C-alpha atoms as a PDB file:
ATOM      1  CA  MET A   1     171.291 100.998 110.981  1.00  0.00           C
ATOM      2  CA  ILE A   2     173.809 103.679 109.954  1.00  0.00           C
ATOM      3  CA  TYR A   3     173.253 107.435 110.276  1.00  0.00           C
ATOM      4  CA  ASN A   4     175.845 109.797 108.779  1.00  0.00           C
ATOM      5  CA  GLY A   5     178.433 107.042 109.119  1.00  0.00           C
ATOM      6  CA  VAL A   6     177.570 106.330 112.780  1.00  0.00           C
ATOM      7  CA  PRO A   7     176.286 102.829 113.700  1.00  0.00           C
ATOM      8  CA  LEU A   8     173.033 103.032 115.648  1.00  0.00           C
ATOM      9  CA  ARG A   9     171.539 100.607 118.144  1.00  0.00           C
ATOM     10  CA  HIS A  10     168.439 100.242 120.286  1.00  0.00           C
ATOM     11  CA  GLU A  11     168.286 101.676 123.806  1.00  0.00           C
ATOM     12  CA  LEU A  12     165.566 100.980 126.385  1.00  0.00           C
ATOM     13  CA  LYS A  13     165.479 102.739 129.768  1.00  0.00           C
ATOM     14  CA  TYR A  14     163.541 101.960 132.940  1.00  0.00           C
ATOM     15  CA  TYR A  15     163.175 103.261 136.470  1.00  0.00           C
ATOM     16  CA  ILE A  16     163.364 100.502 139.085  1.00  0.00           C
ATOM     17  CA  PRO A  17     163.335 100.679 142.899  1.00  0.00           C
ATOM     18  CA  GLU A  18     166.646 100.201 144.687  1.00  0.00           C
ATOM     19  CA  ALA A  19     164.936  97.441 146.668  1.00  0.00           C
ATOM     20  CA  ASP A  20     164.571  95.383 143.474  1.00  0.00           C
ATOM     21  CA  LEU A  21     168.245  95.548 142.536  1.00  0.00           C
ATOM     22  CA  ALA A  22     169.473  92.454 144.390  1.00  0.00           C
ATOM     23  CA  ALA A  23     166.848  90.198 142.823  1.00  0.00           C
ATOM     24  CA  MET A  24     167.321  91.756 139.390  1.00  0.00           C
ATOM     25  CA  ARG A  25     171.096  91.454 139.638  1.00  0.00           C
ATOM     26  CA  GLY A  26     170.793  87.734 140.324  1.00  0.00           C
ATOM     27  CA  ARG A  27     168.572  87.194 137.298  1.00  0.00           C
ATOM     28  CA  VAL A  28     170.773  89.242 134.990  1.00  0.00           C
ATOM     29  CA  ALA A  29     174.013  87.632 136.194  1.00  0.00           C
ATOM     30  CA  ALA A  30     172.556  84.209 135.364  1.00  0.00           C
ATOM     31  CA  VAL A  31     172.357  85.178 131.675  1.00  0.00           C
ATOM     32  CA  LEU A  32     174.921  87.960 131.107  1.00  0.00           C
ATOM     33  CA  ARG A  33     178.569  88.395 132.088  1.00  0.00           C
ATOM     34  CA  PRO A  34     179.766  91.193 134.402  1.00  0.00           C
ATOM     35  CA  ASP A  35     181.563  94.017 132.620  1.00  0.00           C
ATOM     36  CA  GLU A  36     185.285  93.257 132.527  1.00  0.00           C
ATOM     37  CA  HIS A  37     186.174  96.813 133.505  1.00  0.00           C
ATOM     38  CA  ALA A  38     184.186  96.768 136.751  1.00  0.00           C
ATOM     39  CA  GLY A  39     185.874  96.684 140.143  1.00  0.00           C
ATOM     40  CA  GLY A  40     185.687  93.998 142.779  1.00  0.00           C
ATOM     41  CA  ASP A  41     182.166  95.060 143.757  1.00  0.00           C
ATOM     42  CA  GLY A  42     181.020  94.874 140.127  1.00  0.00           C
ATOM     43  CA  CYS A  43     180.668  98.653 139.832  1.00  0.00           C
ATOM     44  CA  TYR A  44     182.588 101.611 138.504  1.00  0.00           C
ATOM     45  CA  HIS A  45     182.169 105.339 138.860  1.00  0.00           C
ATOM     46  CA  VAL A  46     181.125 107.552 135.934  1.00  0.00           C
ATOM     47  CA  ARG A  47     181.447 111.315 135.749  1.00  0.00           C
ATOM     48  CA  SER A  48     180.303 113.203 132.643  1.00  0.00           C
ATOM     49  CA  LEU A  49     180.649 116.882 131.843  1.00  0.00           C
ATOM     50  CA  TYR A  50     177.940 117.991 129.404  1.00  0.00           C
ATOM     51  CA  PHE A  51     178.237 120.959 127.067  1.00  0.00           C
ATOM     52  CA  ASP A  52     175.394 123.084 125.723  1.00  0.00           C
ATOM     53  CA  ASP A  53     174.853 126.510 124.195  1.00  0.00           C
ATOM     54  CA  PRO A  54     173.612 129.575 126.133  1.00  0.00           C
ATOM     55  CA  ALA A  55     169.997 128.806 125.144  1.00  0.00           C
ATOM     56  CA  PHE A  56     170.320 125.202 126.346  1.00  0.00           C
ATOM     57  CA  THR A  57     169.194 124.004 122.931  1.00  0.00           C
ATOM     58  CA  ASP A  58     169.987 120.362 123.715  1.00  0.00           C
ATOM     59  CA  VAL A  59     167.587 120.520 126.672  1.00  0.00           C
ATOM     60  CA  TRP A  60     164.883 122.140 124.558  1.00  0.00           C
ATOM     61  CA  GLU A  61     165.234 119.585 121.739  1.00  0.00           C
ATOM     62  CA  LYS A  62     164.915 116.683 124.177  1.00  0.00           C
ATOM     63  CA  GLU A  63     161.883 118.119 125.962  1.00  0.00           C
ATOM     64  CA  SER A  64     160.174 119.084 122.686  1.00  0.00           C
ATOM     65  CA  GLY A  65     160.566 115.527 121.391  1.00  0.00           C
ATOM     66  CA  ALA A  66     162.850 116.285 118.442  1.00  0.00           C
ATOM     67  CA  GLY A  67     163.357 113.036 116.529  1.00  0.00           C
ATOM     68  CA  ARG A  68     166.996 113.772 115.749  1.00  0.00           C
ATOM     69  CA  ARG A  69     169.256 115.388 118.298  1.00  0.00           C
ATOM     70  CA  ALA A  70     172.680 115.118 119.908  1.00  0.00           C
ATOM     71  CA  LYS A  71     174.440 115.682 123.226  1.00  0.00           C
ATOM     72  CA  THR A  72     178.087 116.562 123.763  1.00  0.00           C
ATOM     73  CA  ARG A  73     180.066 115.439 126.799  1.00  0.00           C
ATOM     74  CA  VAL A  74     183.443 114.508 128.252  1.00  0.00           C
ATOM     75  CA  ARG A  75     183.453 111.341 130.354  1.00  0.00           C
ATOM     76  CA  VAL A  76     185.909 109.861 132.857  1.00  0.00           C
ATOM     77  CA  TYR A  77     185.806 106.690 134.929  1.00  0.00           C
ATOM     78  CA  ASN A  78     186.646 106.271 138.615  1.00  0.00           C
ATOM     79  CA  ARG A  79     187.790 109.939 138.693  1.00  0.00           C
ATOM     80  CA  SER A  80     190.935 108.879 136.831  1.00  0.00           C
ATOM     81  CA  PRO A  81     192.654 110.871 134.046  1.00  0.00           C
ATOM     82  CA  ALA A  82     193.944 107.600 132.568  1.00  0.00           C
ATOM     83  CA  LEU A  83     190.970 107.437 130.188  1.00  0.00           C
ATOM     84  CA  ILE A  84     189.204 110.643 129.138  1.00  0.00           C
ATOM     85  CA  ARG A  85     186.651 110.332 126.348  1.00  0.00           C
ATOM     86  CA  PHE A  86     185.071 113.093 124.339  1.00  0.00           C
ATOM     87  CA  GLU A  87     181.672 111.829 123.154  1.00  0.00           C
ATOM     88  CA  ARG A  88     178.873 113.011 120.916  1.00  0.00           C
ATOM     89  CA  LYS A  89     175.765 110.912 121.530  1.00  0.00           C
ATOM     90  CA  ILE A  90     173.262 110.889 118.681  1.00  0.00           C
ATOM     91  CA  LYS A  91     169.557 110.089 118.941  1.00  0.00           C
ATOM     92  CA  VAL A  92     167.616 109.219 115.780  1.00  0.00           C
ATOM     93  CA  ASP A  93     164.025 108.298 116.618  1.00  0.00           C
ATOM     94  CA  ALA A  94     164.263 104.999 118.578  1.00  0.00           C
ATOM     95  CA  TYR A  95     167.979 104.506 117.882  1.00  0.00           C
ATOM     96  CA  VAL A  96     171.150 105.848 119.480  1.00  0.00           C
ATOM     97  CA  GLY A  97     174.753 106.064 118.370  1.00  0.00           C
ATOM     98  CA  LYS A  98     177.969 107.505 119.668  1.00  0.00           C
ATOM     99  CA  GLN A  99     181.059 109.142 118.229  1.00  0.00           C
ATOM    100  CA  SER A 100     184.052 109.381 120.526  1.00  0.00           C
ATOM    101  CA  ALA A 101     187.702 110.399 120.678  1.00  0.00           C
ATOM    102  CA  PRO A 102     190.325 110.301 123.440  1.00  0.00           C
ATOM    103  CA  LEU A 103     191.528 113.434 125.191  1.00  0.00           C
ATOM    104  CA  THR A 104     194.519 114.013 127.414  1.00  0.00           C
ATOM    105  CA  ARG A 105     194.153 115.858 130.691  1.00  0.00           C
ATOM    106  CA  LYS A 106     196.141 118.751 129.233  1.00  0.00           C
ATOM    107  CA  GLN A 107     193.765 118.954 126.266  1.00  0.00           C
ATOM    108  CA  LEU A 108     190.730 118.887 128.550  1.00  0.00           C
ATOM    109  CA  GLU A 109     192.176 121.658 130.679  1.00  0.00           C
ATOM    110  CA  ALA A 110     192.830 123.682 127.524  1.00  0.00           C
ATOM    111  CA  ILE A 111     189.188 123.308 126.436  1.00  0.00           C
ATOM    112  CA  LEU A 112     187.939 124.346 129.875  1.00  0.00           C
ATOM    113  CA  GLY A 113     190.256 127.337 129.668  1.00  0.00           C
ATOM    114  CA  GLY A 114     188.779 128.383 126.323  1.00  0.00           C
ATOM    115  CA  GLU A 115     191.661 127.198 124.115  1.00  0.00           C
ATOM    116  CA  THR A 116     190.268 124.963 121.369  1.00  0.00           C
ATOM    117  CA  SER A 117     192.381 125.673 118.272  1.00  0.00           C
ATOM    118  CA  PHE A 118     194.316 122.430 118.757  1.00  0.00           C
ATOM    119  CA  LEU A 119     191.123 120.530 117.930  1.00  0.00           C
ATOM    120  CA  LEU A 120     191.559 121.494 114.278  1.00  0.00           C
ATOM    121  CA  ARG A 121     194.807 119.511 114.203  1.00  0.00           C
ATOM    122  CA  ALA A 122     193.258 116.407 115.764  1.00  0.00           C
ATOM    123  CA  ASP A 123     192.838 113.293 113.656  1.00  0.00           C
ATOM    124  CA  SER A 124     189.171 113.030 114.612  1.00  0.00           C
ATOM    125  CA  PRO A 125     186.064 114.251 112.758  1.00  0.00           C
ATOM    126  CA  VAL A 126     184.092 114.390 116.011  1.00  0.00           C
ATOM    127  CA  LEU A 127     186.637 116.776 117.556  1.00  0.00           C
ATOM    128  CA  HIS A 128     186.483 118.912 114.420  1.00  0.00           C
ATOM    129  CA  ARG A 129     182.700 119.008 114.840  1.00  0.00           C
ATOM    130  CA  PHE A 130     183.096 120.016 118.477  1.00  0.00           C
ATOM    131  CA  TYR A 131     185.398 122.877 117.473  1.00  0.00           C
ATOM    132  CA  ALA A 132     182.783 124.141 115.016  1.00  0.00           C
ATOM    133  CA  ASP A 133     180.002 123.865 117.613  1.00  0.00           C
ATOM    134  CA  TYR A 134     182.189 125.533 120.237  1.00  0.00           C
ATOM    135  CA  LYS A 135     182.710 128.511 117.971  1.00  0.00           C
ATOM    136  CA  LEU A 136     179.365 128.734 116.157  1.00  0.00           C
ATOM    137  CA  ARG A 137     176.949 127.521 118.843  1.00  0.00           C
ATOM    138  CA  ARG A 138     179.144 128.761 121.704  1.00  0.00           C
ATOM    139  CA  LEU A 139     179.068 125.415 123.461  1.00  0.00           C
ATOM    140  CA  ARG A 140     180.275 125.678 127.054  1.00  0.00           C
ATOM    141  CA  PRO A 141     180.222 123.416 130.149  1.00  0.00           C
ATOM    142  CA  ALA A 142     176.647 123.073 131.397  1.00  0.00           C
ATOM    143  CA  VAL A 143     176.490 120.445 134.151  1.00  0.00           C
ATOM    144  CA  ILE A 144     178.273 117.438 135.651  1.00  0.00           C
ATOM    145  CA  ALA A 145     176.436 114.129 135.969  1.00  0.00           C
ATOM    146  CA  ASP A 146     177.906 111.750 138.537  1.00  0.00           C
ATOM    147  CA  TYR A 147     176.790 108.182 139.289  1.00  0.00           C
ATOM    148  CA  GLU A 148     177.724 104.553 139.986  1.00  0.00           C
ATOM    149  CA  ARG A 149     177.291 101.981 137.209  1.00  0.00           C
ATOM    150  CA  GLU A 150     176.976  98.215 137.323  1.00  0.00           C
ATOM    151  CA  ALA A 151     177.151  96.629 133.873  1.00  0.00           C
ATOM    152  CA  TYR A 152     176.588  93.238 132.236  1.00  0.00           C
ATOM    153  CA  THR A 153     177.090  92.116 128.642  1.00  0.00           C
ATOM    154  CA  LEU A 154     175.925  89.372 126.297  1.00  0.00           C
ATOM    155  CA  ARG A 155     177.641  88.781 122.962  1.00  0.00           C
ATOM    156  CA  GLU A 156     174.442  87.487 121.360  1.00  0.00           C
ATOM    157  CA  GLY A 157     172.644  90.558 120.026  1.00  0.00           C
ATOM    158  CA  GLY A 158     175.390  92.869 121.307  1.00  0.00           C
ATOM    159  CA  VAL A 159     173.426  93.315 124.546  1.00  0.00           C
ATOM    160  CA  ARG A 160     174.542  95.533 127.415  1.00  0.00           C
ATOM    161  CA  VAL A 161     172.478  95.936 130.601  1.00  0.00           C
ATOM    162  CA  THR A 162     173.455  98.607 133.109  1.00  0.00           C
ATOM    163  CA  PHE A 163     172.173  99.689 136.507  1.00  0.00           C
ATOM    164  CA  ASP A 164     172.939 103.307 137.392  1.00  0.00           C
ATOM    165  CA  ARG A 165     172.604 104.506 140.979  1.00  0.00           C
ATOM    166  CA  LYS A 166     173.042 107.692 143.005  1.00  0.00           C
ATOM    167  CA  LEU A 167     172.756 110.114 140.106  1.00  0.00           C
ATOM    168  CA  THR A 168     173.853 113.542 141.305  1.00  0.00           C
ATOM    169  CA  ALA A 169     174.471 116.860 139.559  1.00  0.00           C
ATOM    170  CA  ALA A 170     177.011 119.628 140.057  1.00  0.00           C
ATOM    171  CA  ALA A 171     177.765 122.897 138.282  1.00  0.00           C
ATOM    172  CA  GLY A 172     179.983 125.940 138.543  1.00  0.00           C
ATOM    173  CA  ASP A 173     183.198 123.964 138.968  1.00  0.00           C
ATOM    174  CA  TRP A 174     184.222 121.375 136.388  1.00  0.00           C
ATOM    175  CA  ASN A 175     186.553 119.103 138.345  1.00  0.00           C
ATOM    176  CA  LEU A 176     186.249 115.615 136.861  1.00  0.00           C
ATOM    177  CA  PHE A 177     188.991 113.978 138.922  1.00  0.00           C
ATOM    178  CA  SER A 178     188.041 114.756 142.532  1.00  0.00           C
ATOM    179  CA  ASP A 179     185.158 116.190 144.534  1.00  0.00           C
ATOM    180  CA  ASP A 180     187.059 119.337 145.495  1.00  0.00           C
ATOM    181  CA  GLY A 181     184.986 122.434 144.785  1.00  0.00           C
ATOM    182  CA  LEU A 182     181.896 120.446 143.809  1.00  0.00           C
ATOM    183  CA  ILE A 183     178.532 120.468 145.557  1.00  0.00           C
ATOM    184  CA  PHE A 184     176.309 117.608 144.447  1.00  0.00           C
ATOM    185  CA  HIS A 185     172.518 117.473 144.326  1.00  0.00           C
ATOM    186  CA  TYR A 186     170.428 114.356 143.809  1.00  0.00           C
ATOM    187  CA  ALA A 187     168.887 114.304 140.350  1.00  0.00           C
ATOM    188  CA  TYR A 188     166.245 111.767 141.334  1.00  0.00           C
ATOM    189  CA  PRO A 189     165.303 110.037 144.609  1.00  0.00           C
ATOM    190  CA  PRO A 190     168.238 107.948 145.918  1.00  0.00           C
ATOM    191  CA  GLN A 191     165.937 104.972 146.465  1.00  0.00           C
ATOM    192  CA  MET A 192     165.431 104.761 142.688  1.00  0.00           C
ATOM    193  CA  LEU A 193     167.845 103.718 139.966  1.00  0.00           C
ATOM    194  CA  THR A 194     167.795 103.406 136.196  1.00  0.00           C
ATOM    195  CA  MET A 195     168.218 100.271 134.146  1.00  0.00           C
ATOM    196  CA  GLU A 196     169.390 100.664 130.556  1.00  0.00           C
ATOM    197  CA  VAL A 197     169.257  97.919 127.940  1.00  0.00           C
ATOM    198  CA  LYS A 198     171.241  98.460 124.744  1.00  0.00           C
ATOM    199  CA  PHE A 199     171.331  96.012 121.855  1.00  0.00           C
ATOM    200  CA  ASP A 200     172.044  95.791 118.147  1.00  0.00           C
ATOM    201  CA  GLY A 201     169.666  94.147 115.701  1.00  0.00           C
ATOM    202  CA  PHE A 202     167.584  92.066 118.113  1.00  0.00           C
ATOM    203  CA  LEU A 203     166.960  91.464 121.801  1.00  0.00           C
ATOM    204  CA  PRO A 204     167.356  87.792 122.784  1.00  0.00           C
ATOM    205  CA  ASP A 205     164.325  86.166 124.386  1.00  0.00           C
ATOM    206  CA  ALA A 206     166.298  85.452 127.571  1.00  0.00           C
ATOM    207  CA  VAL A 207     166.862  89.177 128.069  1.00  0.00           C
ATOM    208  CA  LYS A 208     163.254  90.025 127.195  1.00  0.00           C
ATOM    209  CA  ARG A 209     162.108  87.748 130.004  1.00  0.00           C
ATOM    210  CA  LEU A 210     164.501  89.455 132.425  1.00  0.00           C
ATOM    211  CA  ILE A 211     163.133  92.952 131.831  1.00  0.00           C
ATOM    212  CA  ARG A 212     159.463  91.986 131.404  1.00  0.00           C
ATOM    213  CA  PRO A 213     158.465  92.925 134.999  1.00  0.00           C
ATOM    214  CA  TYR A 214     159.644  96.491 134.343  1.00  0.00           C
ATOM    215  CA  THR A 215     158.202  97.154 130.907  1.00  0.00           C
ATOM    216  CA  ALA A 216     155.450  99.327 132.419  1.00  0.00           C
ATOM    217  CA  ARG A 217     158.143 101.554 133.931  1.00  0.00           C
ATOM    218  CA  ARG A 218     159.901 102.281 130.658  1.00  0.00           C
ATOM    219  CA  ALA A 219     160.693 105.982 130.407  1.00  0.00           C
ATOM    220  CA  GLU A 220     162.485 108.542 128.250  1.00  0.00           C
ATOM    221  CA  ILE A 221     165.272 109.088 130.756  1.00  0.00           C
ATOM    222  CA  SER A 222     168.056 111.590 130.117  1.00  0.00           C
ATOM    223  CA  LYS A 223     170.704 112.003 132.794  1.00  0.00           C
ATOM    224  CA  TYR A 224     171.639 115.330 131.264  1.00  0.00           C
ATOM    225  CA  ILE A 225     168.089 116.689 131.536  1.00  0.00           C
ATOM    226  CA  LEU A 226     167.651 115.350 135.075  1.00  0.00           C
ATOM    227  CA  CYS A 227     170.892 116.994 136.188  1.00  0.00           C
ATOM    228  CA  VAL A 228     170.096 120.338 134.566  1.00  0.00           C
ATOM    229  CA  LYS A 229     166.706 120.344 136.285  1.00  0.00           C
ATOM    230  CA  ALA A 230     168.287 119.454 139.635  1.00  0.00           C
ATOM    231  CA  ILE A 231     170.659 122.426 139.402  1.00  0.00           C
ATOM    232  CA  ARG A 232     167.895 124.786 138.278  1.00  0.00           C
ATOM    233  CA  GLN A 233     165.656 123.720 141.161  1.00  0.00           C
ATOM    234  CA  THR A 234     168.513 124.283 143.603  1.00  0.00           C
ATOM    235  CA  TYR A 235     169.117 127.803 142.288  1.00  0.00           C
ATOM    236  CA  ALA A 236     165.373 128.514 142.426  1.00  0.00           C
ATOM    237  CA  ARG A 237     165.237 127.518 146.109  1.00  0.00           C
ATOM    238  CA  LEU A 238     168.271 129.656 146.922  1.00  0.00           C
ATOM    239  CA  ALA A 239     166.620 132.647 145.286  1.00  0.00           C
ATOM    240  CA  ILE A 240     163.551 132.454 147.528  1.00  0.00           C
END
């Protein structure tokens, strides 16, 4: 399926207990291959900086169940500036898609400092869109989502299964490359994790059998929403 030139795919999300991970990992690894970018322990670190407008419209659209919506973020891996991705994730009913473009550390620092005119000269429609949203919607940094990811892939059906653990949120400082100046808050209980299953046109039967025990736990999980709520709850407690 194509939406405004963006390929869309299916995305299923589940909560599973941390205690189930070892057994689930064994079953998944028997069918899918570990992600080639993972470290020796099979995991890598993800840190995303989400942008929103002053009214937090992206939060409102998600919670109101809007069928078509988008989120804007900058993502880095293993706290390294070697690969910085600007991403616009699109949700269209039951499908998701993603537009992305690379950024340099200098460009990211310019954006965080309020300098965005260089985006107009970029050879990237998604960066042009971000410039327009930055000016018209007044998009600004909203929250950092930080977690560990373990990923597996299967070429048949374009399947990708990920386990995300230790989701924490931070705000007020936007350091993507170290923990200096950041105070993290758990966005959901540390004994829980999320499993995401992404695929293209169809989900192979072998993968269906893997996730069958967790179908009752399927949920509309948004790391962005969870992290915003975690920060808001923290501020509410501090105000008491």
